[in-house]
Amino acid sequence: ATTEIYTLSLHDALPIYTYWAAPVTGGATPTISASFSPSTDVAKILITSGAVPDFEGSPRPHDITVELLDASGAVVASRDLELKDVKDPQSFDVSAKGAATFRLTVKSVYASSGGTNVAITEVEFREAQ
């Protein structure tokens, strides 16, 4: 069982939609990060790809690297992940003890119907119980 410890919410429940987006053209390596204070143990992460409400309007992450670092900057967990091209949250075990920083790096994307910025709606962090 897990408990939600932090949600990096990149959208609203209101009709005003927000999401994180970064360029994927010109050799850019999109990266998103978050800090935990105090440090925490992260068991799972859930990632919701795409932009709301136009899922196919922006590229979505395909291959990513997720890293969790402790307060000194040492990597306590690292995973290379392949996301499915779906709107639903995708869950991944990470087992990171004492995480102070989270970093997600987009390595490749699913093509869009016209946008050039990769989009992520939400990243959620869960703690083991």
Protein backbone atom coordinates (compact mmCIF):
# COMPACT_ATOMS: atom_id res chain seq x y z
CA ALA A 1 0.00 0.00 0.00
CA THR A 2 1.14 3.54 -0.68
CA THR A 3 0.20 7.00 0.52
CA GLU A 4 0.37 10.12 -1.63
CA ILE A 5 3.14 12.36 -0.29
CA TYR A 6 3.30 15.00 -2.97
CA THR A 7 1.64 15.76 -6.26
CA LEU A 8 3.39 18.00 -8.74
CA SER A 9 0.06 19.13 -10.15
CA LEU A 10 0.44 20.65 -13.54
CA HIS A 11 -3.29 21.02 -14.25
CA ASP A 12 -6.43 22.33 -12.57
CA ALA A 13 -9.82 20.71 -12.09
CA LEU A 14 -11.36 23.90 -13.45
CA PRO A 15 -12.01 24.50 -17.15
CA ILE A 16 -8.71 26.44 -17.18
CA TYR A 17 -6.15 23.75 -18.02
CA THR A 18 -2.45 23.89 -17.26
CA TYR A 19 0.41 21.48 -17.87
CA TRP A 20 4.18 21.50 -18.08
CA ALA A 21 5.58 21.88 -21.59
CA ALA A 22 9.12 22.23 -22.97
CA PRO A 23 10.61 22.39 -26.47
CA VAL A 24 11.75 19.14 -28.09
CA THR A 25 13.20 20.70 -31.23
CA GLY A 26 16.75 21.88 -31.91
CA GLY A 27 18.43 19.25 -29.74
CA ALA A 28 16.66 20.32 -26.53
CA THR A 29 16.57 17.82 -23.64
CA PRO A 30 13.40 18.63 -21.66
CA THR A 31 13.81 18.16 -17.90
CA ILE A 32 11.43 18.76 -15.01
CA SER A 33 12.43 18.69 -11.36
CA ALA A 34 10.90 19.05 -7.89
CA SER A 35 12.30 19.27 -4.37
CA PHE A 36 11.04 17.64 -1.17
CA SER A 37 11.45 19.38 2.17
CA PRO A 38 12.03 17.48 4.33
CA SER A 39 13.54 14.56 2.41
CA THR A 40 11.18 11.62 2.01
CA ASP A 41 11.03 7.98 0.98
CA VAL A 42 9.35 7.61 -2.42
CA ALA A 43 8.00 4.17 -3.34
CA LYS A 44 6.10 4.98 -6.55
CA ILE A 45 5.61 7.74 -9.06
CA LEU A 46 2.58 8.22 -11.29
CA ILE A 47 2.99 10.17 -14.53
CA THR A 48 0.13 11.57 -16.60
CA SER A 49 1.30 12.46 -20.10
CA GLY A 50 -0.01 15.01 -22.53
CA ALA A 51 -1.75 18.35 -22.46
CA VAL A 52 -5.28 18.83 -21.19
CA PRO A 53 -7.71 19.00 -22.97
CA ASP A 54 -5.90 18.36 -26.32
CA PHE A 55 -3.94 15.15 -25.62
CA GLU A 56 -2.69 14.68 -29.20
CA GLY A 57 -1.99 18.39 -29.79
CA SER A 58 1.45 18.23 -28.14
CA PRO A 59 4.18 15.59 -28.20
CA ARG A 60 3.99 13.19 -25.23
CA PRO A 61 6.96 11.61 -23.44
CA HIS A 62 7.91 8.18 -24.73
CA ASP A 63 11.29 7.28 -23.20
CA ILE A 64 12.25 9.05 -19.98
CA THR A 65 14.82 8.83 -17.20
CA VAL A 66 13.64 9.38 -13.64
CA GLU A 67 16.19 10.16 -10.93
CA LEU A 68 15.72 10.76 -7.22
CA LEU A 69 18.61 12.37 -5.36
CA ASP A 70 19.36 12.80 -1.66
CA ALA A 71 20.19 16.12 0.00
CA SER A 72 23.88 15.82 -1.00
CA GLY A 73 22.95 15.32 -4.67
CA ALA A 74 23.77 11.60 -4.75
CA VAL A 75 21.39 9.48 -6.85
CA VAL A 76 19.33 7.18 -4.58
CA ALA A 77 17.17 5.77 -7.40
CA SER A 78 17.31 5.93 -11.20
CA ARG A 79 15.01 4.31 -13.75
CA ASP A 80 14.83 4.41 -17.53
CA LEU A 81 11.14 4.11 -18.37
CA GLU A 82 9.03 3.70 -21.49
CA LEU A 83 5.66 5.43 -21.19
CA LYS A 84 2.60 4.28 -23.09
CA ASP A 85 0.85 6.87 -25.26
CA VAL A 86 -2.27 7.04 -23.06
CA LYS A 87 -4.13 9.78 -21.13
CA ASP A 88 -4.32 7.73 -17.92
CA PRO A 89 -1.73 7.96 -15.11
CA GLN A 90 1.06 5.38 -15.36
CA SER A 91 2.56 3.97 -12.16
CA PHE A 92 6.20 3.00 -11.61
CA ASP A 93 8.04 1.60 -8.58
CA VAL A 94 11.14 3.61 -7.65
CA SER A 95 12.07 2.68 -4.02
CA ALA A 96 14.04 5.84 -3.17
CA LYS A 97 15.06 6.35 0.48
CA GLY A 98 15.72 9.92 1.64
CA ALA A 99 14.83 11.63 -1.64
CA ALA A 100 15.30 15.41 -1.63
CA THR A 101 15.07 16.05 -5.38
CA PHE A 102 13.20 14.46 -8.28
CA ARG A 103 14.34 14.86 -11.89
CA LEU A 104 12.58 13.59 -15.03
CA THR A 105 14.40 13.85 -18.36
CA VAL A 106 12.55 13.25 -21.64
CA LYS A 107 14.66 11.17 -24.06
CA SER A 108 12.09 10.69 -26.86
CA VAL A 109 8.48 11.63 -27.59
CA TYR A 110 5.34 10.42 -29.34
CA ALA A 111 4.53 12.67 -32.31
CA SER A 112 1.77 15.26 -32.05
CA SER A 113 -0.83 16.63 -34.41
CA GLY A 114 1.07 19.91 -34.62
CA GLY A 115 2.74 21.04 -31.38
CA THR A 116 6.49 21.17 -30.75
CA ASN A 117 6.53 21.18 -26.91
CA VAL A 118 6.42 17.90 -24.98
CA ALA A 119 3.63 17.97 -22.38
CA ILE A 120 3.12 16.35 -18.96
CA THR A 121 -0.08 16.98 -17.00
CA GLU A 122 0.89 15.56 -13.61
CA VAL A 123 3.59 13.76 -11.64
CA GLU A 124 2.48 12.18 -8.36
CA PHE A 125 4.74 10.75 -5.66
CA ARG A 126 3.72 7.95 -3.28
CA GLU A 127 5.30 6.79 -0.05
CA ALA A 128 5.37 3.14 1.11
CA GLN A 129 3.28 2.27 4.19
